[in-house]
Amino acid sequence: MSTEHASRGRRGGARQWFTPARVVFTVLAVLALVFIFENTRKVTIRLLIPEVTMPLYLALLAMFVVGALCGGYFFRRRVR
């Protein structure tokens, strides 16, 4: 009976890991990363005063990271 209980726990754990929200988040994150790394041309970016020329994928990746950090911060604040 203990092996039966253990196998149920493993399946339940897999179900908890693959929730619809996590699957959608993972798919969107992968699509965002594909979009970022497909855009490799150099662009000129102006942030207030300095003007910087850099590959577009680096600018997009930086904004992706900033957005993920902000989302993580606000999600944690809301849950607690």
PDB file of N, CA and C in Angstrom:
ATOM      1  N   MET A   1       0.804  -1.188   0.000  1.00  0.00           N
ATOM      2  CA  MET A   1       0.000   0.000   0.000  1.00  0.00           C
ATOM      3  C   MET A   1       0.858   1.267   0.000  1.00  0.00           C
ATOM      4  N   SER A   2       2.065   1.180   0.550  1.00  0.00           N
ATOM      5  CA  SER A   2       2.917   2.367   0.591  1.00  0.00           C
ATOM      6  C   SER A   2       3.380   2.770  -0.813  1.00  0.00           C
ATOM      7  N   THR A   3       3.627   1.795  -1.700  1.00  0.00           N
ATOM      8  CA  THR A   3       4.034   2.146  -3.067  1.00  0.00           C
ATOM      9  C   THR A   3       2.880   2.790  -3.814  1.00  0.00           C
ATOM     10  N   GLU A   4       1.668   2.348  -3.525  1.00  0.00           N
ATOM     11  CA  GLU A   4       0.507   2.951  -4.169  1.00  0.00           C
ATOM     12  C   GLU A   4       0.362   4.407  -3.730  1.00  0.00           C
ATOM     13  N   HIS A   5       0.552   4.646  -2.438  1.00  0.00           N
ATOM     14  CA  HIS A   5       0.469   6.003  -1.914  1.00  0.00           C
ATOM     15  C   HIS A   5       1.582   6.881  -2.487  1.00  0.00           C
ATOM     16  N   ALA A   6       2.770   6.327  -2.601  1.00  0.00           N
ATOM     17  CA  ALA A   6       3.902   7.088  -3.133  1.00  0.00           C
ATOM     18  C   ALA A   6       3.678   7.448  -4.593  1.00  0.00           C
ATOM     19  N   SER A   7       3.115   6.530  -5.375  1.00  0.00           N
ATOM     20  CA  SER A   7       2.894   6.837  -6.793  1.00  0.00           C
ATOM     21  C   SER A   7       1.827   7.906  -6.955  1.00  0.00           C
ATOM     22  N   ARG A   8       0.841   7.905  -6.070  1.00  0.00           N
ATOM     23  CA  ARG A   8      -0.167   8.968  -6.123  1.00  0.00           C
ATOM     24  C   ARG A   8       0.476  10.319  -5.829  1.00  0.00           C
ATOM     25  N   GLY A   9       1.385  10.339  -4.864  1.00  0.00           N
ATOM     26  CA  GLY A   9       2.062  11.580  -4.522  1.00  0.00           C
ATOM     27  C   GLY A   9       2.886  12.120  -5.678  1.00  0.00           C
ATOM     28  N   ARG A  10       3.536  11.240  -6.414  1.00  0.00           N
ATOM     29  CA  ARG A  10       4.332  11.682  -7.569  1.00  0.00           C
ATOM     30  C   ARG A  10       3.430  12.261  -8.652  1.00  0.00           C
ATOM     31  N   ARG A  11       2.333  11.591  -8.923  1.00  0.00           N
ATOM     32  CA  ARG A  11       1.432  12.100  -9.955  1.00  0.00           C
ATOM     33  C   ARG A  11       0.827  13.421  -9.523  1.00  0.00           C
ATOM     34  N   GLY A  12       0.448  13.521  -8.254  1.00  0.00           N
ATOM     35  CA  GLY A  12      -0.104  14.780  -7.757  1.00  0.00           C
ATOM     36  C   GLY A  12       0.915  15.900  -7.863  1.00  0.00           C
ATOM     37  N   GLY A  13       2.188  15.582  -7.602  1.00  0.00           N
ATOM     38  CA  GLY A  13       3.235  16.582  -7.709  1.00  0.00           C
ATOM     39  C   GLY A  13       3.407  17.061  -9.136  1.00  0.00           C
ATOM     40  N   ALA A  14       3.326  16.130 -10.080  1.00  0.00           N
ATOM     41  CA  ALA A  14       3.440  16.510 -11.494  1.00  0.00           C
ATOM     42  C   ALA A  14       2.257  17.376 -11.897  1.00  0.00           C
ATOM     43  N   ARG A  15       1.099  17.054 -11.389  1.00  0.00           N
ATOM     44  CA  ARG A  15      -0.075  17.882 -11.702  1.00  0.00           C
ATOM     45  C   ARG A  15       0.059  19.274 -11.117  1.00  0.00           C
ATOM     46  N   GLN A  16       0.628  19.359  -9.930  1.00  0.00           N
ATOM     47  CA  GLN A  16       0.822  20.669  -9.325  1.00  0.00           C
ATOM     48  C   GLN A  16       1.860  21.473 -10.097  1.00  0.00           C
ATOM     49  N   TRP A  17       2.864  20.814 -10.645  1.00  0.00           N
ATOM     50  CA  TRP A  17       3.910  21.513 -11.388  1.00  0.00           C
ATOM     51  C   TRP A  17       3.407  22.008 -12.731  1.00  0.00           C
ATOM     52  N   PHE A  18       2.630  21.190 -13.442  1.00  0.00           N
ATOM     53  CA  PHE A  18       2.161  21.548 -14.783  1.00  0.00           C
ATOM     54  C   PHE A  18       0.761  22.128 -14.733  1.00  0.00           C
ATOM     55  N   THR A  19       0.596  23.233 -14.029  1.00  0.00           N
ATOM     56  CA  THR A  19      -0.693  23.908 -13.986  1.00  0.00           C
ATOM     57  C   THR A  19      -0.859  24.691 -15.290  1.00  0.00           C
ATOM     58  N   PRO A  20      -2.077  24.991 -15.679  1.00  0.00           N
ATOM     59  CA  PRO A  20      -2.280  25.763 -16.918  1.00  0.00           C
ATOM     60  C   PRO A  20      -1.559  27.115 -16.896  1.00  0.00           C
ATOM     61  N   ALA A  21      -1.542  27.768 -15.758  1.00  0.00           N
ATOM     62  CA  ALA A  21      -0.870  29.073 -15.671  1.00  0.00           C
ATOM     63  C   ALA A  21       0.628  28.934 -15.901  1.00  0.00           C
ATOM     64  N   ARG A  22       1.245  27.901 -15.359  1.00  0.00           N
ATOM     65  CA  ARG A  22       2.690  27.709 -15.542  1.00  0.00           C
ATOM     66  C   ARG A  22       3.009  27.324 -16.975  1.00  0.00           C
ATOM     67  N   VAL A  23       2.167  26.548 -17.593  1.00  0.00           N
ATOM     68  CA  VAL A  23       2.393  26.170 -18.995  1.00  0.00           C
ATOM     69  C   VAL A  23       2.290  27.407 -19.881  1.00  0.00           C
ATOM     70  N   VAL A  24       1.275  28.237 -19.662  1.00  0.00           N
ATOM     71  CA  VAL A  24       1.102  29.457 -20.459  1.00  0.00           C
ATOM     72  C   VAL A  24       2.283  30.392 -20.236  1.00  0.00           C
ATOM     73  N   PHE A  25       2.709  30.555 -18.982  1.00  0.00           N
ATOM     74  CA  PHE A  25       3.861  31.414 -18.679  1.00  0.00           C
ATOM     75  C   PHE A  25       5.110  30.915 -19.380  1.00  0.00           C
ATOM     76  N   THR A  26       5.348  29.609 -19.344  1.00  0.00           N
ATOM     77  CA  THR A  26       6.535  29.033 -19.972  1.00  0.00           C
ATOM     78  C   THR A  26       6.509  29.243 -21.480  1.00  0.00           C
ATOM     79  N   VAL A  27       5.360  29.011 -22.104  1.00  0.00           N
ATOM     80  CA  VAL A  27       5.228  29.202 -23.551  1.00  0.00           C
ATOM     81  C   VAL A  27       5.470  30.668 -23.913  1.00  0.00           C
ATOM     82  N   LEU A  28       4.872  31.585 -23.156  1.00  0.00           N
ATOM     83  CA  LEU A  28       5.070  33.013 -23.445  1.00  0.00           C
ATOM     84  C   LEU A  28       6.524  33.435 -23.239  1.00  0.00           C
ATOM     85  N   ALA A  29       7.173  32.915 -22.212  1.00  0.00           N
ATOM     86  CA  ALA A  29       8.575  33.254 -21.974  1.00  0.00           C
ATOM     87  C   ALA A  29       9.451  32.741 -23.111  1.00  0.00           C
ATOM     88  N   VAL A  30       9.196  31.524 -23.580  1.00  0.00           N
ATOM     89  CA  VAL A  30       9.977  30.967 -24.693  1.00  0.00           C
ATOM     90  C   VAL A  30       9.743  31.785 -25.964  1.00  0.00           C
ATOM     91  N   LEU A  31       8.491  32.140 -26.242  1.00  0.00           N
ATOM     92  CA  LEU A  31       8.200  32.963 -27.421  1.00  0.00           C
ATOM     93  C   LEU A  31       8.882  34.332 -27.322  1.00  0.00           C
ATOM     94  N   ALA A  32       8.889  34.926 -26.132  1.00  0.00           N
ATOM     95  CA  ALA A  32       9.555  36.216 -25.951  1.00  0.00           C
ATOM     96  C   ALA A  32      11.053  36.087 -26.206  1.00  0.00           C
ATOM     97  N   LEU A  33      11.659  35.023 -25.711  1.00  0.00           N
ATOM     98  CA  LEU A  33      13.090  34.830 -25.932  1.00  0.00           C
ATOM     99  C   LEU A  33      13.403  34.571 -27.405  1.00  0.00           C
ATOM    100  N   VAL A  34      12.554  33.826 -28.094  1.00  0.00           N
ATOM    101  CA  VAL A  34      12.753  33.604 -29.542  1.00  0.00           C
ATOM    102  C   VAL A  34      12.665  34.941 -30.276  1.00  0.00           C
ATOM    103  N   PHE A  35      11.665  35.755 -29.936  1.00  0.00           N
ATOM    104  CA  PHE A  35      11.508  37.069 -30.554  1.00  0.00           C
ATOM    105  C   PHE A  35      12.738  37.934 -30.300  1.00  0.00           C
ATOM    106  N   ILE A  36      13.231  37.903 -29.069  1.00  0.00           N
ATOM    107  CA  ILE A  36      14.398  38.718 -28.703  1.00  0.00           C
ATOM    108  C   ILE A  36      15.611  38.324 -29.538  1.00  0.00           C
ATOM    109  N   PHE A  37      15.904  37.030 -29.619  1.00  0.00           N
ATOM    110  CA  PHE A  37      17.127  36.601 -30.293  1.00  0.00           C
ATOM    111  C   PHE A  37      17.002  36.566 -31.819  1.00  0.00           C
ATOM    112  N   GLU A  38      15.806  36.755 -32.357  1.00  0.00           N
ATOM    113  CA  GLU A  38      15.646  36.886 -33.801  1.00  0.00           C
ATOM    114  C   GLU A  38      15.945  38.307 -34.273  1.00  0.00           C
ATOM    115  N   ASN A  39      15.914  39.268 -33.367  1.00  0.00           N
ATOM    116  CA  ASN A  39      16.149  40.671 -33.710  1.00  0.00           C
ATOM    117  C   ASN A  39      17.572  41.037 -33.320  1.00  0.00           C
ATOM    118  N   THR A  40      18.501  40.873 -34.279  1.00  0.00           N
ATOM    119  CA  THR A  40      19.914  41.051 -33.965  1.00  0.00           C
ATOM    120  C   THR A  40      20.536  42.312 -34.574  1.00  0.00           C
ATOM    121  N   ARG A  41      19.787  43.093 -35.330  1.00  0.00           N
ATOM    122  CA  ARG A  41      20.389  44.277 -35.950  1.00  0.00           C
ATOM    123  C   ARG A  41      20.716  45.328 -34.890  1.00  0.00           C
ATOM    124  N   LYS A  42      21.637  46.211 -35.218  1.00  0.00           N
ATOM    125  CA  LYS A  42      22.037  47.270 -34.281  1.00  0.00           C
ATOM    126  C   LYS A  42      21.043  48.419 -34.367  1.00  0.00           C
ATOM    127  N   VAL A  43      20.732  48.980 -33.216  1.00  0.00           N
ATOM    128  CA  VAL A  43      19.820  50.116 -33.136  1.00  0.00           C
ATOM    129  C   VAL A  43      20.439  51.173 -32.234  1.00  0.00           C
ATOM    130  N   THR A  44      19.973  52.399 -32.394  1.00  0.00           N
ATOM    131  CA  THR A  44      20.399  53.491 -31.529  1.00  0.00           C
ATOM    132  C   THR A  44      19.290  53.739 -30.522  1.00  0.00           C
ATOM    133  N   ILE A  45      19.655  53.711 -29.256  1.00  0.00           N
ATOM    134  CA  ILE A  45      18.678  53.875 -28.180  1.00  0.00           C
ATOM    135  C   ILE A  45      19.055  55.110 -27.387  1.00  0.00           C
ATOM    136  N   ARG A  46      18.062  55.931 -27.092  1.00  0.00           N
ATOM    137  CA  ARG A  46      18.308  57.128 -26.292  1.00  0.00           C
ATOM    138  C   ARG A  46      17.514  57.014 -25.006  1.00  0.00           C
ATOM    139  N   LEU A  47      18.232  57.049 -23.896  1.00  0.00           N
ATOM    140  CA  LEU A  47      17.609  56.997 -22.582  1.00  0.00           C
ATOM    141  C   LEU A  47      17.961  58.294 -21.866  1.00  0.00           C
ATOM    142  N   LEU A  48      17.018  59.195 -21.832  1.00  0.00           N
ATOM    143  CA  LEU A  48      17.203  60.548 -21.305  1.00  0.00           C
ATOM    144  C   LEU A  48      18.302  61.270 -22.086  1.00  0.00           C
ATOM    145  N   ILE A  49      19.540  61.267 -21.661  1.00  0.00           N
ATOM    146  CA  ILE A  49      20.580  62.027 -22.350  1.00  0.00           C
ATOM    147  C   ILE A  49      21.500  61.149 -23.198  1.00  0.00           C
ATOM    148  N   PRO A  50      22.057  60.043 -22.657  1.00  0.00           N
ATOM    149  CA  PRO A  50      23.031  59.297 -23.476  1.00  0.00           C
ATOM    150  C   PRO A  50      22.363  58.558 -24.640  1.00  0.00           C
ATOM    151  N   GLU A  51      23.110  58.466 -25.716  1.00  0.00           N
ATOM    152  CA  GLU A  51      22.652  57.725 -26.899  1.00  0.00           C
ATOM    153  C   GLU A  51      23.593  56.547 -27.082  1.00  0.00           C
ATOM    154  N   VAL A  52      23.025  55.351 -27.172  1.00  0.00           N
ATOM    155  CA  VAL A  52      23.821  54.134 -27.230  1.00  0.00           C
ATOM    156  C   VAL A  52      23.424  53.340 -28.468  1.00  0.00           C
ATOM    157  N   THR A  53      24.425  52.795 -29.181  1.00  0.00           N
ATOM    158  CA  THR A  53      24.172  51.884 -30.289  1.00  0.00           C
ATOM    159  C   THR A  53      24.489  50.481 -29.800  1.00  0.00           C
ATOM    160  N   MET A  54      23.510  49.601 -29.917  1.00  0.00           N
ATOM    161  CA  MET A  54      23.673  48.235 -29.431  1.00  0.00           C
ATOM    162  C   MET A  54      22.763  47.308 -30.213  1.00  0.00           C
ATOM    163  N   PRO A  55      23.015  46.001 -30.170  1.00  0.00           N
ATOM    164  CA  PRO A  55      22.112  45.058 -30.827  1.00  0.00           C
ATOM    165  C   PRO A  55      20.726  45.117 -30.179  1.00  0.00           C
ATOM    166  N   LEU A  56      19.716  45.051 -31.017  1.00  0.00           N
ATOM    167  CA  LEU A  56      18.338  45.141 -30.528  1.00  0.00           C
ATOM    168  C   LEU A  56      18.026  44.030 -29.533  1.00  0.00           C
ATOM    169  N   TYR A  57      18.610  42.828 -29.742  1.00  0.00           N
ATOM    170  CA  TYR A  57      18.292  41.727 -28.836  1.00  0.00           C
ATOM    171  C   TYR A  57      18.758  42.015 -27.412  1.00  0.00           C
ATOM    172  N   LEU A  58      19.849  42.769 -27.244  1.00  0.00           N
ATOM    173  CA  LEU A  58      20.296  43.105 -25.893  1.00  0.00           C
ATOM    174  C   LEU A  58      19.332  44.073 -25.207  1.00  0.00           C
ATOM    175  N   ALA A  59      18.824  45.035 -25.970  1.00  0.00           N
ATOM    176  CA  ALA A  59      17.853  45.964 -25.408  1.00  0.00           C
ATOM    177  C   ALA A  59      16.557  45.234 -25.043  1.00  0.00           C
ATOM    178  N   LEU A  60      16.107  44.348 -25.928  1.00  0.00           N
ATOM    179  CA  LEU A  60      14.896  43.582 -25.641  1.00  0.00           C
ATOM    180  C   LEU A  60      15.092  42.641 -24.457  1.00  0.00           C
ATOM    181  N   LEU A  61      16.243  41.996 -24.395  1.00  0.00           N
ATOM    182  CA  LEU A  61      16.539  41.096 -23.288  1.00  0.00           C
ATOM    183  C   LEU A  61      16.588  41.863 -21.966  1.00  0.00           C
ATOM    184  N   ALA A  62      17.183  43.043 -21.979  1.00  0.00           N
ATOM    185  CA  ALA A  62      17.226  43.858 -20.763  1.00  0.00           C
ATOM    186  C   ALA A  62      15.812  44.227 -20.307  1.00  0.00           C
ATOM    187  N   MET A  63      14.949  44.603 -21.234  1.00  0.00           N
ATOM    188  CA  MET A  63      13.575  44.944 -20.866  1.00  0.00           C
ATOM    189  C   MET A  63      12.794  43.721 -20.391  1.00  0.00           C
ATOM    190  N   PHE A  64      13.099  42.556 -20.966  1.00  0.00           N
ATOM    191  CA  PHE A  64      12.476  41.307 -20.532  1.00  0.00           C
ATOM    192  C   PHE A  64      12.859  41.020 -19.081  1.00  0.00           C
ATOM    193  N   VAL A  65      14.134  41.178 -18.756  1.00  0.00           N
ATOM    194  CA  VAL A  65      14.601  40.921 -17.392  1.00  0.00           C
ATOM    195  C   VAL A  65      13.990  41.926 -16.420  1.00  0.00           C
ATOM    196  N   VAL A  66      13.956  43.205 -16.797  1.00  0.00           N
ATOM    197  CA  VAL A  66      13.357  44.223 -15.937  1.00  0.00           C
ATOM    198  C   VAL A  66      11.875  43.905 -15.701  1.00  0.00           C
ATOM    199  N   GLY A  67      11.170  43.529 -16.751  1.00  0.00           N
ATOM    200  CA  GLY A  67       9.756  43.178 -16.610  1.00  0.00           C
ATOM    201  C   GLY A  67       9.544  41.952 -15.732  1.00  0.00           C
ATOM    202  N   ALA A  68      10.401  40.942 -15.890  1.00  0.00           N
ATOM    203  CA  ALA A  68      10.287  39.743 -15.066  1.00  0.00           C
ATOM    204  C   ALA A  68      10.557  40.065 -13.596  1.00  0.00           C
ATOM    205  N   LEU A  69      11.566  40.891 -13.336  1.00  0.00           N
ATOM    206  CA  LEU A  69      11.858  41.275 -11.953  1.00  0.00           C
ATOM    207  C   LEU A  69      10.715  42.082 -11.336  1.00  0.00           C
ATOM    208  N   CYS A  70      10.167  43.017 -12.092  1.00  0.00           N
ATOM    209  CA  CYS A  70       9.033  43.804 -11.585  1.00  0.00           C
ATOM    210  C   CYS A  70       7.815  42.919 -11.351  1.00  0.00           C
ATOM    211  N   GLY A  71       7.546  42.039 -12.284  1.00  0.00           N
ATOM    212  CA  GLY A  71       6.417  41.119 -12.115  1.00  0.00           C
ATOM    213  C   GLY A  71       6.603  40.217 -10.908  1.00  0.00           C
ATOM    214  N   GLY A  72       7.811  39.693 -10.720  1.00  0.00           N
ATOM    215  CA  GLY A  72       8.091  38.856  -9.561  1.00  0.00           C
ATOM    216  C   GLY A  72       7.939  39.625  -8.263  1.00  0.00           C
ATOM    217  N   TYR A  73       8.399  40.856  -8.237  1.00  0.00           N
ATOM    218  CA  TYR A  73       8.296  41.683  -7.036  1.00  0.00           C
ATOM    219  C   TYR A  73       6.831  41.946  -6.679  1.00  0.00           C
ATOM    220  N   PHE A  74       6.046  42.372  -7.650  1.00  0.00           N
ATOM    221  CA  PHE A  74       4.653  42.694  -7.363  1.00  0.00           C
ATOM    222  C   PHE A  74       3.834  41.446  -7.067  1.00  0.00           C
ATOM    223  N   PHE A  75       4.170  40.328  -7.695  1.00  0.00           N
ATOM    224  CA  PHE A  75       3.441  39.077  -7.415  1.00  0.00           C
ATOM    225  C   PHE A  75       3.717  38.634  -5.979  1.00  0.00           C
ATOM    226  N   ARG A  76       4.966  38.699  -5.543  1.00  0.00           N
ATOM    227  CA  ARG A  76       5.292  38.322  -4.162  1.00  0.00           C
ATOM    228  C   ARG A  76       4.609  39.233  -3.162  1.00  0.00           C
ATOM    229  N   ARG A  77       4.569  40.506  -3.447  1.00  0.00           N
ATOM    230  CA  ARG A  77       3.928  41.461  -2.530  1.00  0.00           C
ATOM    231  C   ARG A  77       2.438  41.190  -2.426  1.00  0.00           C
ATOM    232  N   ARG A  78       1.807  40.780  -3.515  1.00  0.00           N
ATOM    233  CA  ARG A  78       0.376  40.535  -3.531  1.00  0.00           C
ATOM    234  C   ARG A  78       0.025  39.261  -2.783  1.00  0.00           C
ATOM    235  N   VAL A  79       0.855  38.222  -2.901  1.00  0.00           N
ATOM    236  CA  VAL A  79       0.580  36.921  -2.301  1.00  0.00           C
ATOM    237  C   VAL A  79       0.689  37.000  -0.785  1.00  0.00           C
ATOM    238  N   ARG A  80       1.672  37.675  -0.271  1.00  0.00           N
ATOM    239  CA  ARG A  80       1.893  37.739   1.187  1.00  0.00           C
ATOM    240  C   ARG A  80       0.893  38.550   1.846  1.00  0.00           C
TER     241      ARG A  80
END
